Amino acid sequence: MQRVDIVKWVATVIQLIGYGFTGLNFMPWNIYAFLVGIVLWFMVGVMWKDRAIMIVHVGAFLSLLIGYINA
């Protein structure tokens, strides 16, 4: 398995944990999980040179940041 595949699957699992934490109302742990997942998925976008993945995860990060600031 290539490094990018490992990062991709770790990021996916962490994102799913973030969704689970949200459903269980484990605040702020859900945000921490989402932030780690976002960073890892952004790294996957960089490794693949896939701008769409990078842009989506920059947008996700900004959404979390703005939500955190407004909370």
N, C-alpha and C. Protein backbone atom coordinates (compact mmCIF):
# COMPACT_ATOMS: atom_id res chain seq x y z
N MET A 1 0.85 -1.18 0.00
CA MET A 1 0.00 0.00 0.00
C MET A 1 0.90 1.25 0.00
N GLN A 2 0.56 2.20 -0.84
CA GLN A 2 1.35 3.43 -0.95
C GLN A 2 1.02 4.38 0.21
N ARG A 3 1.94 5.29 0.46
CA ARG A 3 1.76 6.26 1.55
C ARG A 3 0.47 7.04 1.40
N VAL A 4 0.16 7.47 0.19
CA VAL A 4 -1.06 8.25 -0.03
C VAL A 4 -2.30 7.44 0.33
N ASP A 5 -2.28 6.14 0.07
CA ASP A 5 -3.43 5.29 0.42
C ASP A 5 -3.60 5.20 1.93
N ILE A 6 -2.50 5.12 2.65
CA ILE A 6 -2.56 5.06 4.11
C ILE A 6 -3.13 6.36 4.66
N VAL A 7 -2.62 7.48 4.17
CA VAL A 7 -3.11 8.79 4.63
C VAL A 7 -4.59 8.93 4.30
N LYS A 8 -4.98 8.51 3.11
CA LYS A 8 -6.37 8.61 2.67
C LYS A 8 -7.30 7.82 3.59
N TRP A 9 -6.92 6.59 3.93
CA TRP A 9 -7.78 5.77 4.78
C TRP A 9 -7.79 6.23 6.23
N VAL A 10 -6.66 6.70 6.72
CA VAL A 10 -6.63 7.25 8.08
C VAL A 10 -7.52 8.49 8.13
N ALA A 11 -7.42 9.36 7.14
CA ALA A 11 -8.25 10.56 7.09
C ALA A 11 -9.72 10.21 7.04
N THR A 12 -10.06 9.20 6.26
CA THR A 12 -11.46 8.78 6.14
C THR A 12 -11.99 8.28 7.47
N VAL A 13 -11.22 7.45 8.14
CA VAL A 13 -11.65 6.91 9.44
C VAL A 13 -11.82 8.05 10.45
N ILE A 14 -10.88 8.99 10.46
CA ILE A 14 -10.97 10.11 11.40
C ILE A 14 -12.18 10.98 11.09
N GLN A 15 -12.48 11.21 9.82
CA GLN A 15 -13.67 11.97 9.46
C GLN A 15 -14.93 11.25 9.94
N LEU A 16 -14.98 9.94 9.76
CA LEU A 16 -16.15 9.18 10.21
C LEU A 16 -16.29 9.25 11.73
N ILE A 17 -15.17 9.23 12.43
CA ILE A 17 -15.21 9.39 13.89
C ILE A 17 -15.78 10.77 14.23
N GLY A 18 -15.38 11.79 13.48
CA GLY A 18 -15.92 13.13 13.69
C GLY A 18 -17.42 13.17 13.51
N TYR A 19 -17.94 12.48 12.48
CA TYR A 19 -19.38 12.42 12.28
C TYR A 19 -20.05 11.71 13.44
N GLY A 20 -19.44 10.62 13.90
CA GLY A 20 -19.99 9.90 15.04
C GLY A 20 -20.01 10.75 16.29
N PHE A 21 -18.92 11.48 16.53
CA PHE A 21 -18.86 12.36 17.69
C PHE A 21 -19.93 13.45 17.61
N THR A 22 -20.19 13.95 16.41
CA THR A 22 -21.24 14.95 16.24
C THR A 22 -22.59 14.36 16.60
N GLY A 23 -22.85 13.16 16.10
CA GLY A 23 -24.11 12.50 16.40
C GLY A 23 -24.29 12.21 17.88
N LEU A 24 -23.19 11.95 18.57
CA LEU A 24 -23.24 11.66 20.00
C LEU A 24 -23.09 12.93 20.86
N ASN A 25 -22.97 14.07 20.19
CA ASN A 25 -22.82 15.36 20.86
C ASN A 25 -21.56 15.44 21.72
N PHE A 26 -20.47 14.86 21.22
CA PHE A 26 -19.18 14.94 21.91
C PHE A 26 -18.44 16.18 21.42
N MET A 27 -18.77 17.30 22.06
CA MET A 27 -18.17 18.56 21.69
C MET A 27 -17.02 18.86 22.65
N PRO A 28 -15.92 19.37 22.28
CA PRO A 28 -15.47 19.77 20.96
C PRO A 28 -14.69 18.67 20.23
N TRP A 29 -14.73 17.44 20.73
CA TRP A 29 -13.94 16.37 20.12
C TRP A 29 -14.28 16.16 18.65
N ASN A 30 -15.55 16.39 18.29
CA ASN A 30 -15.92 16.25 16.88
C ASN A 30 -15.16 17.24 16.01
N ILE A 31 -15.00 18.47 16.50
CA ILE A 31 -14.28 19.49 15.73
C ILE A 31 -12.82 19.10 15.57
N TYR A 32 -12.21 18.59 16.64
CA TYR A 32 -10.81 18.16 16.56
C TYR A 32 -10.64 17.06 15.52
N ALA A 33 -11.55 16.10 15.53
CA ALA A 33 -11.48 15.01 14.56
C ALA A 33 -11.63 15.55 13.14
N PHE A 34 -12.60 16.44 12.96
CA PHE A 34 -12.79 17.02 11.63
C PHE A 34 -11.56 17.79 11.17
N LEU A 35 -10.94 18.54 12.07
CA LEU A 35 -9.74 19.31 11.69
C LEU A 35 -8.61 18.39 11.27
N VAL A 36 -8.39 17.32 12.01
CA VAL A 36 -7.34 16.36 11.63
C VAL A 36 -7.67 15.73 10.28
N GLY A 37 -8.91 15.32 10.10
CA GLY A 37 -9.32 14.73 8.83
C GLY A 37 -9.16 15.69 7.67
N ILE A 38 -9.51 16.95 7.88
CA ILE A 38 -9.37 17.97 6.83
C ILE A 38 -7.92 18.13 6.44
N VAL A 39 -7.05 18.23 7.43
CA VAL A 39 -5.62 18.39 7.15
C VAL A 39 -5.08 17.19 6.38
N LEU A 40 -5.46 15.99 6.82
CA LEU A 40 -4.97 14.79 6.13
C LEU A 40 -5.50 14.69 4.71
N TRP A 41 -6.78 15.02 4.51
CA TRP A 41 -7.32 14.97 3.16
C TRP A 41 -6.70 16.06 2.28
N PHE A 42 -6.37 17.22 2.86
CA PHE A 42 -5.66 18.23 2.10
C PHE A 42 -4.31 17.69 1.65
N MET A 43 -3.63 16.97 2.56
CA MET A 43 -2.34 16.37 2.20
C MET A 43 -2.49 15.37 1.06
N VAL A 44 -3.58 14.61 1.06
CA VAL A 44 -3.84 13.68 -0.05
C VAL A 44 -3.99 14.47 -1.34
N GLY A 45 -4.72 15.57 -1.30
CA GLY A 45 -4.87 16.41 -2.49
C GLY A 45 -3.53 16.90 -3.00
N VAL A 46 -2.64 17.28 -2.08
CA VAL A 46 -1.31 17.74 -2.48
C VAL A 46 -0.54 16.58 -3.11
N MET A 47 -0.58 15.41 -2.49
CA MET A 47 0.15 14.25 -3.02
C MET A 47 -0.35 13.85 -4.40
N TRP A 48 -1.65 13.97 -4.63
CA TRP A 48 -2.23 13.63 -5.93
C TRP A 48 -2.20 14.81 -6.89
N LYS A 49 -1.79 15.98 -6.41
CA LYS A 49 -1.85 17.21 -7.20
C LYS A 49 -3.27 17.46 -7.70
N ASP A 50 -4.24 17.23 -6.80
CA ASP A 50 -5.66 17.36 -7.12
C ASP A 50 -6.20 18.63 -6.46
N ARG A 51 -6.33 19.67 -7.25
CA ARG A 51 -6.76 20.96 -6.70
C ARG A 51 -8.17 20.92 -6.16
N ALA A 52 -9.04 20.12 -6.76
CA ALA A 52 -10.43 20.04 -6.28
C ALA A 52 -10.47 19.54 -4.84
N ILE A 53 -9.71 18.51 -4.53
CA ILE A 53 -9.67 17.99 -3.16
C ILE A 53 -9.11 19.05 -2.22
N MET A 54 -8.07 19.74 -2.65
CA MET A 54 -7.48 20.78 -1.80
C MET A 54 -8.47 21.90 -1.54
N ILE A 55 -9.17 22.36 -2.57
CA ILE A 55 -10.12 23.46 -2.42
C ILE A 55 -11.28 23.08 -1.53
N VAL A 56 -11.81 21.88 -1.71
CA VAL A 56 -12.92 21.42 -0.86
C VAL A 56 -12.52 21.44 0.61
N HIS A 57 -11.30 21.00 0.89
CA HIS A 57 -10.89 20.92 2.30
C HIS A 57 -10.44 22.27 2.86
N VAL A 58 -10.00 23.18 2.03
CA VAL A 58 -9.78 24.55 2.49
C VAL A 58 -11.14 25.16 2.84
N GLY A 59 -12.14 24.92 2.00
CA GLY A 59 -13.49 25.40 2.29
C GLY A 59 -14.06 24.80 3.57
N ALA A 60 -13.83 23.51 3.78
CA ALA A 60 -14.29 22.86 5.00
C ALA A 60 -13.60 23.46 6.22
N PHE A 61 -12.29 23.72 6.10
CA PHE A 61 -11.56 24.33 7.22
C PHE A 61 -12.11 25.72 7.53
N LEU A 62 -12.32 26.52 6.48
CA LEU A 62 -12.86 27.87 6.70
C LEU A 62 -14.24 27.82 7.33
N SER A 63 -15.07 26.87 6.92
CA SER A 63 -16.41 26.73 7.50
C SER A 63 -16.32 26.42 8.99
N LEU A 64 -15.44 25.50 9.36
CA LEU A 64 -15.25 25.18 10.78
C LEU A 64 -14.71 26.38 11.54
N LEU A 65 -13.75 27.07 10.96
CA LEU A 65 -13.14 28.22 11.61
C LEU A 65 -14.18 29.32 11.84
N ILE A 66 -14.96 29.64 10.83
CA ILE A 66 -15.98 30.68 10.95
C ILE A 66 -17.04 30.27 11.97
N GLY A 67 -17.44 29.01 11.93
CA GLY A 67 -18.40 28.52 12.92
C GLY A 67 -17.87 28.61 14.34
N TYR A 68 -16.58 28.29 14.51
CA TYR A 68 -15.96 28.35 15.83
C TYR A 68 -15.88 29.79 16.32
N ILE A 69 -15.52 30.69 15.42
CA ILE A 69 -15.41 32.10 15.79
C ILE A 69 -16.79 32.67 16.19
N ASN A 70 -17.82 32.26 15.48
CA ASN A 70 -19.16 32.77 15.75
C ASN A 70 -19.85 32.10 16.93
N ALA A 71 -19.30 31.01 17.43
CA ALA A 71 -19.96 30.27 18.52
C ALA A 71 -19.81 30.96 19.85
